[in-house]
Every structure is written in structure tokens, then in C-alpha cells.
Amino acid sequence: MPGLFGVCLVVFVLNLSYFGCTDAQTSTPSPLSPCSSKSNTSCEECLQNVTCLWCEQTGQCIDYPVRTILPPRSVCRLNDARWGVCWVNFQVLIITMSVLAGVLIITVLLCCFCCCKCERMGTKKEDAKAERENRARTARQKARRTEMQMRHDEIRQKYGLAKDNPYARMNEH
């Protein structure tokens, strides 16, 4: 469940960025908190303060439990909890973020696979090209060597140095 871990991490970072790292906030609402004063009103009024969590089931506006990443079931069920906006509950947020994280991970893995495959194919093409060039070079060298040998044989015949036996010594002629 790496997707759920990623979602939890994102929610935790968002919580830290909105709330800061204060030790004064707890998971139970205090009677003097601005969130509890907006209970039994509306979700929009409650969520005007980013430190508040709206529980749809009970109609309560409570302080967000920052000590836990997600609100515990004793505070509010995930599908009834609203934070930030009223139309997104935590359960949908977790599922959506998990799917998006999974798609992102699969996309990155596919891109890495395709890049490695293309690189290997490029290497094979380069190896095949080098092999073709090497064969062509060898054929040209062989043709030049044969041509040079024919020229030398013509010169030897012209000056009477041609040998019947190629292994005979030059001074015997």
C-alpha cells in the first residue's frame, strides 16, 4: 500500500504547513476554541478556519486532531470528515490520492523501461552499423591488397623477375 503511505505523508505535510508544529492543539475540542463555537452551523462557516474539521454525521465543528495524521474514528468517520472544502471527504481523498500515486508510479516505471529499451536498441543498431562498416573496410582492404599484388606481378614480369615457384630464392633466377 505505497499509495496510502504517500497520501498519509501528503496529508501530514499539509497539516504541518497549515497548522505548524504547535503542541497546544489536542484531539479533543476545548470549550473556548473558535471551532467548537461554530458547531451546529454549516460546513462552510466551520471550514473558514483551517484548523477546524467538520463532521457531517454529527454536524459538529471540532479542532483538527493534529497529533494524528487522519482523524480517528472516535472523532469522526473518514467518509463524514470534511477539511478545507465541504465537498471532499477524507475517504474519497485517500482513494483518489492512492490511485493517482499508483498511476504516477506506473508511469515512471514505464518511462524508465521504455528509455532503457530504446537505449539498448540504439546500442544494437550502433553495433550492427559498426559491424557493417568493419566488413566494408575489410573488403576494401582485400581488394586493394589484391590490386597491389597484381601490379607487383606485372612489374616483375616486365623486368623478368617473375618466379615460377613463389618460394624460390630471388638470386637463383
Protein backbone atom coordinates (compact mmCIF):
# COMPACT_ATOMS: atom_id res chain seq x y z
CA MET A 1 0.00 0.00 0.00
CA PRO A 2 2.62 2.57 -1.01
CA GLY A 3 -0.20 4.76 -2.32
CA LEU A 4 -1.82 5.02 1.12
CA PHE A 5 1.55 5.85 2.66
CA GLY A 6 2.01 8.62 0.08
CA VAL A 7 -1.44 10.00 0.85
CA CYS A 8 -0.76 9.92 4.55
CA LEU A 9 2.53 11.70 4.00
CA VAL A 10 0.86 14.38 1.84
CA VAL A 11 -1.89 14.93 4.40
CA PHE A 12 0.69 15.11 7.18
CA VAL A 13 2.77 17.69 5.30
CA LEU A 14 -0.35 19.71 4.52
CA ASN A 15 -1.32 19.58 8.18
CA LEU A 16 2.09 20.79 9.24
CA SER A 17 2.07 23.57 6.69
CA TYR A 18 -1.37 24.79 7.76
CA PHE A 19 -1.10 24.30 11.48
CA GLY A 20 2.60 24.49 12.19
CA CYS A 21 4.14 22.31 14.83
CA THR A 22 2.32 23.54 17.90
CA ASP A 23 1.93 21.41 20.98
CA ALA A 24 -1.10 23.32 22.30
CA GLN A 25 -3.59 21.60 19.99
CA THR A 26 -5.11 18.30 21.07
CA SER A 27 -7.54 15.84 19.53
CA THR A 28 -10.40 16.89 21.82
CA PRO A 29 -12.08 20.25 21.28
CA SER A 30 -11.78 22.75 24.07
CA PRO A 31 -14.84 24.76 25.05
CA LEU A 32 -13.09 28.05 24.29
CA SER A 33 -11.85 27.06 20.79
CA PRO A 34 -13.17 29.00 17.80
CA CYS A 35 -14.08 25.71 16.10
CA SER A 36 -16.48 24.46 18.76
CA SER A 37 -18.30 27.79 18.68
CA LYS A 38 -19.27 27.07 15.05
CA SER A 39 -20.84 23.69 15.80
CA ASN A 40 -24.42 23.22 14.59
CA THR A 41 -23.94 25.93 11.94
CA SER A 42 -22.84 24.94 8.45
CA CYS A 43 -19.83 23.24 6.93
CA GLU A 44 -18.81 26.39 5.04
CA GLU A 45 -18.78 28.51 8.20
CA CYS A 46 -16.82 25.89 10.10
CA LEU A 47 -14.17 25.44 7.42
CA GLN A 48 -13.46 29.15 7.12
CA ASN A 49 -10.89 28.44 9.84
CA VAL A 50 -8.30 25.96 8.51
CA THR A 51 -7.73 24.48 11.96
CA CYS A 52 -11.32 23.19 12.05
CA LEU A 53 -12.72 19.84 10.96
CA TRP A 54 -16.40 19.42 10.09
CA CYS A 55 -18.08 16.13 10.92
CA GLU A 56 -21.04 15.70 8.58
CA GLN A 57 -22.71 12.97 10.66
CA THR A 58 -22.84 14.90 13.93
CA GLY A 59 -22.86 18.42 12.49
CA GLN A 60 -20.02 19.32 14.84
CA CYS A 61 -17.14 21.68 14.12
CA ILE A 62 -14.08 20.47 16.02
CA ASP A 63 -10.39 21.26 16.17
CA TYR A 64 -8.44 19.14 13.71
CA PRO A 65 -6.61 16.37 15.63
CA VAL A 66 -3.08 17.29 14.55
CA ARG A 67 -1.41 14.61 16.65
CA THR A 68 -2.80 12.02 14.26
CA ILE A 69 -2.49 12.30 10.51
CA LEU A 70 -6.07 11.30 9.88
CA PRO A 71 -8.92 11.96 12.30
CA PRO A 72 -9.57 8.88 14.45
CA ARG A 73 -12.90 7.09 14.15
CA SER A 74 -13.81 8.20 17.66
CA VAL A 75 -13.71 11.83 16.49
CA CYS A 76 -15.40 11.37 13.12
CA ARG A 77 -15.64 8.66 10.45
CA LEU A 78 -13.48 9.28 7.37
CA ASN A 79 -16.41 9.41 4.97
CA ASP A 80 -18.09 12.07 7.16
CA ALA A 81 -14.99 14.18 7.87
CA ARG A 82 -14.53 17.40 5.88
CA TRP A 83 -11.46 19.61 5.97
CA GLY A 84 -10.55 22.50 3.69
CA VAL A 85 -13.62 22.17 1.46
CA CYS A 86 -17.03 20.72 2.15
CA TRP A 87 -17.39 18.62 -0.99
CA VAL A 88 -14.36 16.32 -0.39
CA ASN A 89 -14.34 13.79 2.42
CA PHE A 90 -11.21 12.07 3.67
CA GLN A 91 -12.19 8.65 2.36
CA VAL A 92 -12.52 9.94 -1.22
CA LEU A 93 -9.30 11.93 -0.77
CA ILE A 94 -7.37 8.83 0.32
CA ILE A 95 -8.74 6.70 -2.52
CA THR A 96 -8.09 9.39 -5.13
CA MET A 97 -4.57 10.10 -3.90
CA SER A 98 -3.79 6.36 -3.81
CA VAL A 99 -4.96 5.91 -7.39
CA LEU A 100 -3.03 8.98 -8.55
CA ALA A 101 0.11 7.82 -6.74
CA GLY A 102 -0.24 4.36 -8.30
CA VAL A 103 -0.70 5.82 -11.78
CA LEU A 104 2.28 8.10 -11.24
CA ILE A 105 4.49 5.21 -10.09
CA ILE A 106 3.39 3.03 -13.03
CA THR A 107 4.03 5.92 -15.45
CA VAL A 108 7.53 6.49 -14.09
CA LEU A 109 8.32 2.77 -14.27
CA LEU A 110 7.03 2.56 -17.86
CA CYS A 111 9.09 5.59 -18.86
CA CYS A 112 12.21 4.06 -17.30
CA PHE A 113 11.51 0.75 -19.06
CA CYS A 114 10.96 2.44 -22.43
CA CYS A 115 14.09 4.57 -22.07
CA CYS A 116 16.21 1.54 -21.20
CA LYS A 117 14.70 -0.45 -24.07
CA CYS A 118 15.31 2.38 -26.57
CA GLU A 119 18.87 2.77 -25.31
CA ARG A 120 19.53 -0.95 -25.76
CA MET A 121 18.01 -0.89 -29.25
CA GLY A 122 20.17 2.12 -30.10
CA THR A 123 23.22 0.18 -28.94
CA LYS A 124 22.21 -2.79 -31.10
CA LYS A 125 21.76 -0.51 -34.10
CA GLU A 126 25.14 1.09 -33.45
CA ASP A 127 26.76 -2.34 -33.10
CA ALA A 128 25.19 -3.52 -36.38
CA LYS A 129 26.32 -0.34 -38.14
CA ALA A 130 29.87 -0.74 -36.82
CA GLU A 131 29.88 -4.37 -37.96
CA ARG A 132 28.73 -3.39 -41.47
CA GLU A 133 31.38 -0.67 -41.67
CA ASN A 134 34.04 -3.13 -40.48
CA ARG A 135 33.05 -5.68 -43.15
CA ALA A 136 33.08 -2.98 -45.84
CA ARG A 137 36.52 -1.77 -44.70
CA THR A 138 37.88 -5.33 -44.71
CA ALA A 139 36.50 -5.91 -48.23
CA ARG A 140 38.12 -2.67 -49.50
CA GLN A 141 41.45 -3.62 -47.92
CA LYS A 142 41.31 -7.05 -49.51
CA ALA A 143 40.51 -5.52 -52.92
CA ARG A 144 43.42 -3.06 -52.59
CA ARG A 145 45.78 -5.83 -51.50
CA THR A 146 44.75 -7.97 -54.49
CA GLU A 147 45.15 -5.00 -56.86
CA MET A 148 48.58 -4.19 -55.43
CA GLN A 149 49.66 -7.83 -55.77
CA MET A 150 48.58 -7.82 -59.44
CA ARG A 151 50.58 -4.62 -60.08
CA HIS A 152 53.66 -6.11 -58.45
CA ASP A 153 53.30 -9.28 -60.52
CA GLU A 154 53.05 -7.19 -63.72
CA ILE A 155 56.21 -5.25 -62.80
CA ARG A 156 58.07 -8.49 -62.04
CA GLN A 157 57.05 -9.96 -65.40
CA LYS A 158 58.06 -6.76 -67.21
CA TYR A 159 61.58 -6.90 -65.78
CA GLY A 160 61.88 -10.68 -65.94
CA LEU A 161 61.76 -11.21 -62.22
CA ALA A 162 58.67 -13.41 -62.25
CA LYS A 163 59.11 -16.62 -60.35
CA ASP A 164 57.60 -19.93 -61.21
CA ASN A 165 57.96 -21.05 -57.64
CA PRO A 166 56.99 -18.26 -55.25
CA TYR A 167 59.14 -19.91 -52.55
CA ALA A 168 62.34 -19.92 -54.62
CA ARG A 169 65.12 -17.52 -53.72
CA MET A 170 65.50 -14.38 -55.75
CA ASN A 171 69.21 -14.96 -56.52
CA GLU A 172 68.53 -18.30 -58.25
CA HIS A 173 66.91 -16.54 -61.20
